[in-house]
């Protein structure tokens, strides 16, 4: 299966980090993305619910800062596992 164009040049390997209950957090997701792996976490890990916006804001800001400082080594995207 080909890598989608939006991910080309951003992945070191075609891997998605597992969204681990309780374990996955912004530090892990940011590290995964900087290493070229799709970072992920379950939305329920951000507790209380208001914390989710803080997590997303932090992840986006730190990855944008990384990408600005490293245009030849862009971060991989991240995913939020929604449990409905």
PDB file of N, CA and C in Angstrom:
ATOM      1  N   UNK A   1       0.845  -1.169   0.000  1.00  0.00           N
ATOM      2  CA  UNK A   1       0.000   0.000   0.000  1.00  0.00           C
ATOM      3  C   UNK A   1       0.893   1.236   0.000  1.00  0.00           C
ATOM      4  N   UNK A   2       0.650   2.170  -0.897  1.00  0.00           N
ATOM      5  CA  UNK A   2       1.494   3.366  -0.944  1.00  0.00           C
ATOM      6  C   UNK A   2       1.225   4.306   0.232  1.00  0.00           C
ATOM      7  N   UNK A   3       2.249   5.064   0.577  1.00  0.00           N
ATOM      8  CA  UNK A   3       2.116   6.060   1.648  1.00  0.00           C
ATOM      9  C   UNK A   3       1.367   7.262   1.080  1.00  0.00           C
ATOM     10  N   UNK A   4       0.314   7.739   1.773  1.00  0.00           N
ATOM     11  CA  UNK A   4      -0.423   8.912   1.278  1.00  0.00           C
ATOM     12  C   UNK A   4       0.507  10.113   1.093  1.00  0.00           C
ATOM     13  N   UNK A   5       0.212  10.933   0.088  1.00  0.00           N
ATOM     14  CA  UNK A   5       1.065  12.088  -0.219  1.00  0.00           C
ATOM     15  C   UNK A   5       1.246  13.016   0.972  1.00  0.00           C
ATOM     16  N   UNK A   6       0.206  13.172   1.794  1.00  0.00           N
ATOM     17  CA  UNK A   6       0.313  14.081   2.937  1.00  0.00           C
ATOM     18  C   UNK A   6       1.315  13.585   3.979  1.00  0.00           C
ATOM     19  N   UNK A   7       1.700  12.303   3.903  1.00  0.00           N
ATOM     20  CA  UNK A   7       2.659  11.747   4.864  1.00  0.00           C
ATOM     21  C   UNK A   7       4.040  11.536   4.257  1.00  0.00           C
ATOM     22  N   UNK A   8       4.147  11.641   2.939  1.00  0.00           N
ATOM     23  CA  UNK A   8       5.435  11.417   2.294  1.00  0.00           C
ATOM     24  C   UNK A   8       6.442  12.457   2.759  1.00  0.00           C
ATOM     25  N   UNK A   9       7.630  11.997   3.094  1.00  0.00           N
ATOM     26  CA  UNK A   9       8.677  12.883   3.577  1.00  0.00           C
ATOM     27  C   UNK A   9       8.569  13.191   5.066  1.00  0.00           C
ATOM     28  N   UNK A  10       7.559  12.648   5.725  1.00  0.00           N
ATOM     29  CA  UNK A  10       7.367  12.900   7.155  1.00  0.00           C
ATOM     30  C   UNK A  10       7.565  11.647   7.996  1.00  0.00           C
ATOM     31  N   UNK A  11       7.605  10.483   7.372  1.00  0.00           N
ATOM     32  CA  UNK A  11       7.736   9.230   8.113  1.00  0.00           C
ATOM     33  C   UNK A  11       9.116   8.624   7.918  1.00  0.00           C
ATOM     34  N   UNK A  12       9.737   8.183   9.016  1.00  0.00           N
ATOM     35  CA  UNK A  12      10.995   7.453   8.892  1.00  0.00           C
ATOM     36  C   UNK A  12      10.693   5.992   8.579  1.00  0.00           C
ATOM     37  N   UNK A  13       9.584   5.493   9.088  1.00  0.00           N
ATOM     38  CA  UNK A  13       9.055   4.161   8.794  1.00  0.00           C
ATOM     39  C   UNK A  13       7.527   4.275   8.802  1.00  0.00           C
ATOM     40  N   UNK A  14       6.827   3.454   8.011  1.00  0.00           N
ATOM     41  CA  UNK A  14       5.363   3.541   7.989  1.00  0.00           C
ATOM     42  C   UNK A  14       4.748   2.843   9.202  1.00  0.00           C
ATOM     43  N   UNK A  15       4.812   3.521  10.343  1.00  0.00           N
ATOM     44  CA  UNK A  15       4.356   2.941  11.610  1.00  0.00           C
ATOM     45  C   UNK A  15       3.455   3.935  12.333  1.00  0.00           C
ATOM     46  N   UNK A  16       2.428   3.400  12.991  1.00  0.00           N
ATOM     47  CA  UNK A  16       1.580   4.197  13.873  1.00  0.00           C
ATOM     48  C   UNK A  16       1.851   3.721  15.290  1.00  0.00           C
ATOM     49  N   UNK A  17       2.258   4.636  16.171  1.00  0.00           N
ATOM     50  CA  UNK A  17       2.453   4.286  17.574  1.00  0.00           C
ATOM     51  C   UNK A  17       1.111   3.918  18.198  1.00  0.00           C
ATOM     52  N   UNK A  18       1.069   2.838  18.928  1.00  0.00           N
ATOM     53  CA  UNK A  18      -0.186   2.374  19.528  1.00  0.00           C
ATOM     54  C   UNK A  18      -0.716   3.383  20.541  1.00  0.00           C
ATOM     55  N   UNK A  19      -2.028   3.661  20.502  1.00  0.00           N
ATOM     56  CA  UNK A  19      -2.636   4.541  21.503  1.00  0.00           C
ATOM     57  C   UNK A  19      -2.861   3.760  22.798  1.00  0.00           C
ATOM     58  N   UNK A  20      -1.921   3.841  23.707  1.00  0.00           N
ATOM     59  CA  UNK A  20      -1.946   3.037  24.932  1.00  0.00           C
ATOM     60  C   UNK A  20      -2.750   3.715  26.033  1.00  0.00           C
ATOM     61  N   UNK A  21      -3.719   3.000  26.569  1.00  0.00           N
ATOM     62  CA  UNK A  21      -4.545   3.528  27.648  1.00  0.00           C
ATOM     63  C   UNK A  21      -3.664   3.870  28.844  1.00  0.00           C
ATOM     64  N   UNK A  22      -3.822   5.045  29.378  1.00  0.00           N
ATOM     65  CA  UNK A  22      -3.108   5.624  30.522  1.00  0.00           C
ATOM     66  C   UNK A  22      -1.658   5.987  30.183  1.00  0.00           C
ATOM     67  N   UNK A  23      -0.977   5.191  29.378  1.00  0.00           N
ATOM     68  CA  UNK A  23       0.444   5.399  29.090  1.00  0.00           C
ATOM     69  C   UNK A  23       0.686   6.550  28.110  1.00  0.00           C
ATOM     70  N   UNK A  24      -0.049   6.580  27.006  1.00  0.00           N
ATOM     71  CA  UNK A  24       0.176   7.600  25.974  1.00  0.00           C
ATOM     72  C   UNK A  24      -0.183   8.984  26.493  1.00  0.00           C
ATOM     73  N   UNK A  25       0.710   9.936  26.228  1.00  0.00           N
ATOM     74  CA  UNK A  25       0.530  11.311  26.696  1.00  0.00           C
ATOM     75  C   UNK A  25       1.241  12.244  25.716  1.00  0.00           C
ATOM     76  N   UNK A  26       1.122  13.549  25.889  1.00  0.00           N
ATOM     77  CA  UNK A  26       1.765  14.464  24.935  1.00  0.00           C
ATOM     78  C   UNK A  26       3.268  14.234  24.768  1.00  0.00           C
ATOM     79  N   UNK A  27       3.988  13.946  25.845  1.00  0.00           N
ATOM     80  CA  UNK A  27       5.434  13.728  25.720  1.00  0.00           C
ATOM     81  C   UNK A  27       5.738  12.573  24.771  1.00  0.00           C
ATOM     82  N   UNK A  28       5.012  11.469  24.921  1.00  0.00           N
ATOM     83  CA  UNK A  28       5.231  10.299  24.071  1.00  0.00           C
ATOM     84  C   UNK A  28       4.839  10.595  22.625  1.00  0.00           C
ATOM     85  N   UNK A  29       3.700  11.219  22.420  1.00  0.00           N
ATOM     86  CA  UNK A  29       3.232  11.537  21.068  1.00  0.00           C
ATOM     87  C   UNK A  29       4.218  12.466  20.362  1.00  0.00           C
ATOM     88  N   UNK A  30       4.676  13.486  21.044  1.00  0.00           N
ATOM     89  CA  UNK A  30       5.632  14.433  20.452  1.00  0.00           C
ATOM     90  C   UNK A  30       6.930  13.719  20.087  1.00  0.00           C
ATOM     91  N   UNK A  31       7.424  12.871  20.970  1.00  0.00           N
ATOM     92  CA  UNK A  31       8.657  12.124  20.689  1.00  0.00           C
ATOM     93  C   UNK A  31       8.469  11.196  19.489  1.00  0.00           C
ATOM     94  N   UNK A  32       7.329  10.517  19.419  1.00  0.00           N
ATOM     95  CA  UNK A  32       7.062   9.632  18.280  1.00  0.00           C
ATOM     96  C   UNK A  32       7.062  10.428  16.978  1.00  0.00           C
ATOM     97  N   UNK A  33       6.345  11.528  16.963  1.00  0.00           N
ATOM     98  CA  UNK A  33       6.237  12.336  15.743  1.00  0.00           C
ATOM     99  C   UNK A  33       7.592  12.892  15.312  1.00  0.00           C
ATOM    100  N   UNK A  34       8.383  13.355  16.262  1.00  0.00           N
ATOM    101  CA  UNK A  34       9.713  13.874  15.929  1.00  0.00           C
ATOM    102  C   UNK A  34      10.620  12.777  15.382  1.00  0.00           C
ATOM    103  N   UNK A  35      10.358  11.520  15.789  1.00  0.00           N
ATOM    104  CA  UNK A  35      11.152  10.385  15.318  1.00  0.00           C
ATOM    105  C   UNK A  35      10.653   9.850  13.975  1.00  0.00           C
ATOM    106  N   UNK A  36       9.587  10.447  13.439  1.00  0.00           N
ATOM    107  CA  UNK A  36       9.087  10.021  12.144  1.00  0.00           C
ATOM    108  C   UNK A  36       8.075   8.905  12.189  1.00  0.00           C
ATOM    109  N   UNK A  37       7.423   8.736  13.333  1.00  0.00           N
ATOM    110  CA  UNK A  37       6.387   7.722  13.518  1.00  0.00           C
ATOM    111  C   UNK A  37       5.089   8.450  13.845  1.00  0.00           C
ATOM    112  N   UNK A  38       3.967   7.986  13.295  1.00  0.00           N
ATOM    113  CA  UNK A  38       2.683   8.604  13.623  1.00  0.00           C
ATOM    114  C   UNK A  38       2.412   8.379  15.109  1.00  0.00           C
ATOM    115  N   UNK A  39       2.338   9.463  15.865  1.00  0.00           N
ATOM    116  CA  UNK A  39       2.051   9.363  17.297  1.00  0.00           C
ATOM    117  C   UNK A  39       0.552   9.308  17.526  1.00  0.00           C
ATOM    118  N   UNK A  40       0.145   8.626  18.589  1.00  0.00           N
ATOM    119  CA  UNK A  40      -1.291   8.564  18.870  1.00  0.00           C
ATOM    120  C   UNK A  40      -1.543   8.386  20.359  1.00  0.00           C
ATOM    121  N   UNK A  41      -2.756   8.743  20.748  1.00  0.00           N
ATOM    122  CA  UNK A  41      -3.181   8.544  22.136  1.00  0.00           C
ATOM    123  C   UNK A  41      -4.697   8.442  22.181  1.00  0.00           C
ATOM    124  N   UNK A  42      -5.237   7.714  23.166  1.00  0.00           N
ATOM    125  CA  UNK A  42      -6.684   7.682  23.337  1.00  0.00           C
ATOM    126  C   UNK A  42      -7.152   9.010  23.931  1.00  0.00           C
ATOM    127  N   UNK A  43      -8.216   9.562  23.402  1.00  0.00           N
ATOM    128  CA  UNK A  43      -8.744  10.826  23.924  1.00  0.00           C
ATOM    129  C   UNK A  43      -9.057  10.724  25.411  1.00  0.00           C
ATOM    130  N   UNK A  44      -9.460   9.549  25.863  1.00  0.00           N
ATOM    131  CA  UNK A  44      -9.817   9.377  27.277  1.00  0.00           C
ATOM    132  C   UNK A  44      -8.627   9.529  28.225  1.00  0.00           C
ATOM    133  N   UNK A  45      -7.407   9.482  27.696  1.00  0.00           N
ATOM    134  CA  UNK A  45      -6.241   9.671  28.569  1.00  0.00           C
ATOM    135  C   UNK A  45      -6.147  11.096  29.095  1.00  0.00           C
ATOM    136  N   UNK A  46      -6.721  12.023  28.373  1.00  0.00           N
ATOM    137  CA  UNK A  46      -6.709  13.431  28.799  1.00  0.00           C
ATOM    138  C   UNK A  46      -7.891  13.637  29.744  1.00  0.00           C
ATOM    139  N   UNK A  47      -7.604  13.629  31.030  1.00  0.00           N
ATOM    140  CA  UNK A  47      -8.665  13.775  32.035  1.00  0.00           C
ATOM    141  C   UNK A  47      -8.345  14.917  32.963  1.00  0.00           C
ATOM    142  N   UNK A  48      -9.339  15.697  33.326  1.00  0.00           N
ATOM    143  CA  UNK A  48     -10.733  15.663  32.873  1.00  0.00           C
ATOM    144  C   UNK A  48     -10.829  16.046  31.401  1.00  0.00           C
ATOM    145  N   UNK A  49     -12.021  15.981  30.837  1.00  0.00           N
ATOM    146  CA  UNK A  49     -12.232  16.201  29.400  1.00  0.00           C
ATOM    147  C   UNK A  49     -11.656  17.527  28.917  1.00  0.00           C
ATOM    148  N   UNK A  50     -11.666  18.546  29.760  1.00  0.00           N
ATOM    149  CA  UNK A  50     -11.130  19.857  29.381  1.00  0.00           C
ATOM    150  C   UNK A  50      -9.637  19.793  29.073  1.00  0.00           C
ATOM    151  N   UNK A  51      -8.972  18.780  29.574  1.00  0.00           N
ATOM    152  CA  UNK A  51      -7.529  18.621  29.377  1.00  0.00           C
ATOM    153  C   UNK A  51      -7.194  18.297  27.915  1.00  0.00           C
ATOM    154  N   UNK A  52      -8.134  17.709  27.189  1.00  0.00           N
ATOM    155  CA  UNK A  52      -7.877  17.317  25.800  1.00  0.00           C
ATOM    156  C   UNK A  52      -7.462  18.514  24.951  1.00  0.00           C
ATOM    157  N   UNK A  53      -8.130  19.632  25.103  1.00  0.00           N
ATOM    158  CA  UNK A  53      -7.768  20.827  24.333  1.00  0.00           C
ATOM    159  C   UNK A  53      -6.349  21.277  24.659  1.00  0.00           C
ATOM    160  N   UNK A  54      -5.952  21.200  25.919  1.00  0.00           N
ATOM    161  CA  UNK A  54      -4.584  21.572  26.316  1.00  0.00           C
ATOM    162  C   UNK A  54      -3.572  20.629  25.671  1.00  0.00           C
ATOM    163  N   UNK A  55      -3.879  19.331  25.674  1.00  0.00           N
ATOM    164  CA  UNK A  55      -2.979  18.355  25.057  1.00  0.00           C
ATOM    165  C   UNK A  55      -2.805  18.655  23.570  1.00  0.00           C
ATOM    166  N   UNK A  56      -3.917  18.851  22.867  1.00  0.00           N
ATOM    167  CA  UNK A  56      -3.852  19.098  21.427  1.00  0.00           C
ATOM    168  C   UNK A  56      -3.098  20.384  21.114  1.00  0.00           C
ATOM    169  N   UNK A  57      -3.349  21.415  21.890  1.00  0.00           N
ATOM    170  CA  UNK A  57      -2.659  22.693  21.696  1.00  0.00           C
ATOM    171  C   UNK A  57      -1.157  22.527  21.893  1.00  0.00           C
ATOM    172  N   UNK A  58      -0.762  21.825  22.940  1.00  0.00           N
ATOM    173  CA  UNK A  58       0.664  21.612  23.218  1.00  0.00           C
ATOM    174  C   UNK A  58       1.327  20.788  22.117  1.00  0.00           C
ATOM    175  N   UNK A  59       0.692  19.691  21.729  1.00  0.00           N
ATOM    176  CA  UNK A  59       1.270  18.830  20.695  1.00  0.00           C
ATOM    177  C   UNK A  59       1.458  19.612  19.397  1.00  0.00           C
ATOM    178  N   UNK A  60       0.421  20.315  18.969  1.00  0.00           N
ATOM    179  CA  UNK A  60       0.508  21.093  17.727  1.00  0.00           C
ATOM    180  C   UNK A  60       1.597  22.156  17.806  1.00  0.00           C
ATOM    181  N   UNK A  61       1.689  22.855  18.930  1.00  0.00           N
ATOM    182  CA  UNK A  61       2.682  23.922  19.083  1.00  0.00           C
ATOM    183  C   UNK A  61       4.103  23.368  19.059  1.00  0.00           C
ATOM    184  N   UNK A  62       4.349  22.296  19.802  1.00  0.00           N
ATOM    185  CA  UNK A  62       5.709  21.745  19.856  1.00  0.00           C
ATOM    186  C   UNK A  62       6.129  21.144  18.518  1.00  0.00           C
ATOM    187  N   UNK A  63       5.189  20.521  17.810  1.00  0.00           N
ATOM    188  CA  UNK A  63       5.539  19.965  16.500  1.00  0.00           C
ATOM    189  C   UNK A  63       5.753  21.072  15.471  1.00  0.00           C
ATOM    190  N   UNK A  64       4.978  22.140  15.550  1.00  0.00           N
ATOM    191  CA  UNK A  64       5.183  23.283  14.646  1.00  0.00           C
ATOM    192  C   UNK A  64       6.550  23.916  14.897  1.00  0.00           C
ATOM    193  N   UNK A  65       6.928  24.032  16.167  1.00  0.00           N
ATOM    194  CA  UNK A  65       8.245  24.577  16.521  1.00  0.00           C
ATOM    195  C   UNK A  65       9.347  23.680  15.979  1.00  0.00           C
ATOM    196  N   UNK A  66       9.181  22.376  16.132  1.00  0.00           N
ATOM    197  CA  UNK A  66      10.158  21.414  15.610  1.00  0.00           C
ATOM    198  C   UNK A  66      10.287  21.547  14.089  1.00  0.00           C
ATOM    199  N   UNK A  67       9.150  21.602  13.399  1.00  0.00           N
ATOM    200  CA  UNK A  67       9.170  21.684  11.938  1.00  0.00           C
ATOM    201  C   UNK A  67       9.821  22.974  11.451  1.00  0.00           C
ATOM    202  N   UNK A  68       9.575  24.081  12.151  1.00  0.00           N
ATOM    203  CA  UNK A  68      10.185  25.358  11.771  1.00  0.00           C
ATOM    204  C   UNK A  68      11.702  25.309  11.927  1.00  0.00           C
ATOM    205  N   UNK A  69      12.169  24.624  12.965  1.00  0.00           N
ATOM    206  CA  UNK A  69      13.606  24.522  13.221  1.00  0.00           C
ATOM    207  C   UNK A  69      14.273  23.424  12.392  1.00  0.00           C
ATOM    208  N   UNK A  70      13.486  22.499  11.850  1.00  0.00           N
ATOM    209  CA  UNK A  70      14.028  21.351  11.119  1.00  0.00           C
ATOM    210  C   UNK A  70      13.269  21.128   9.807  1.00  0.00           C
ATOM    211  N   UNK A  71      13.350  22.062   8.874  1.00  0.00           N
ATOM    212  CA  UNK A  71      12.562  21.921   7.636  1.00  0.00           C
ATOM    213  C   UNK A  71      12.934  20.702   6.793  1.00  0.00           C
ATOM    214  N   UNK A  72      14.114  20.138   7.012  1.00  0.00           N
ATOM    215  CA  UNK A  72      14.522  18.940   6.279  1.00  0.00           C
ATOM    216  C   UNK A  72      14.172  17.659   7.026  1.00  0.00           C
ATOM    217  N   UNK A  73      13.582  17.782   8.211  1.00  0.00           N
ATOM    218  CA  UNK A  73      13.213  16.618   9.029  1.00  0.00           C
ATOM    219  C   UNK A  73      11.867  16.903   9.698  1.00  0.00           C
ATOM    220  N   UNK A  74      10.821  17.001   8.883  1.00  0.00           N
ATOM    221  CA  UNK A  74       9.501  17.352   9.399  1.00  0.00           C
ATOM    222  C   UNK A  74       8.927  16.239  10.268  1.00  0.00           C
ATOM    223  N   UNK A  75       8.138  16.631  11.236  1.00  0.00           N
ATOM    224  CA  UNK A  75       7.516  15.661  12.137  1.00  0.00           C
ATOM    225  C   UNK A  75       6.406  14.901  11.423  1.00  0.00           C
ATOM    226  N   UNK A  76       6.166  13.694  11.892  1.00  0.00           N
ATOM    227  CA  UNK A  76       5.054  12.886  11.389  1.00  0.00           C
ATOM    228  C   UNK A  76       3.752  13.416  11.984  1.00  0.00           C
ATOM    229  N   UNK A  77       2.629  13.085  11.378  1.00  0.00           N
ATOM    230  CA  UNK A  77       1.344  13.510  11.951  1.00  0.00           C
ATOM    231  C   UNK A  77       1.021  12.725  13.218  1.00  0.00           C
ATOM    232  N   UNK A  78      -0.029  13.146  13.900  1.00  0.00           N
ATOM    233  CA  UNK A  78      -0.480  12.398  15.079  1.00  0.00           C
ATOM    234  C   UNK A  78      -1.966  12.116  14.955  1.00  0.00           C
ATOM    235  N   UNK A  79      -2.429  11.158  15.756  1.00  0.00           N
ATOM    236  CA  UNK A  79      -3.827  10.740  15.708  1.00  0.00           C
ATOM    237  C   UNK A  79      -4.382  10.654  17.121  1.00  0.00           C
ATOM    238  N   UNK A  80      -5.667  10.935  17.230  1.00  0.00           N
ATOM    239  CA  UNK A  80      -6.367  10.802  18.506  1.00  0.00           C
ATOM    240  C   UNK A  80      -7.387   9.691  18.344  1.00  0.00           C
ATOM    241  N   UNK A  81      -7.294   8.677  19.186  1.00  0.00           N
ATOM    242  CA  UNK A  81      -8.223   7.559  19.153  1.00  0.00           C
ATOM    243  C   UNK A  81      -9.483   7.947  19.910  1.00  0.00           C
ATOM    244  N   UNK A  82     -10.575   8.123  19.181  1.00  0.00           N
ATOM    245  CA  UNK A  82     -11.851   8.502  19.788  1.00  0.00           C
ATOM    246  C   UNK A  82     -12.636   7.244  20.138  1.00  0.00           C
ATOM    247  N   UNK A  83     -13.040   7.125  21.365  1.00  0.00           N
ATOM    248  CA  UNK A  83     -13.863   6.006  21.810  1.00  0.00           C
ATOM    249  C   UNK A  83     -15.264   6.551  22.032  1.00  0.00           C
ATOM    250  N   UNK A  84     -16.206   6.052  21.266  1.00  0.00           N
ATOM    251  CA  UNK A  84     -17.572   6.574  21.336  1.00  0.00           C
ATOM    252  C   UNK A  84     -18.484   5.544  21.962  1.00  0.00           C
TER     253      UNK A  84
END
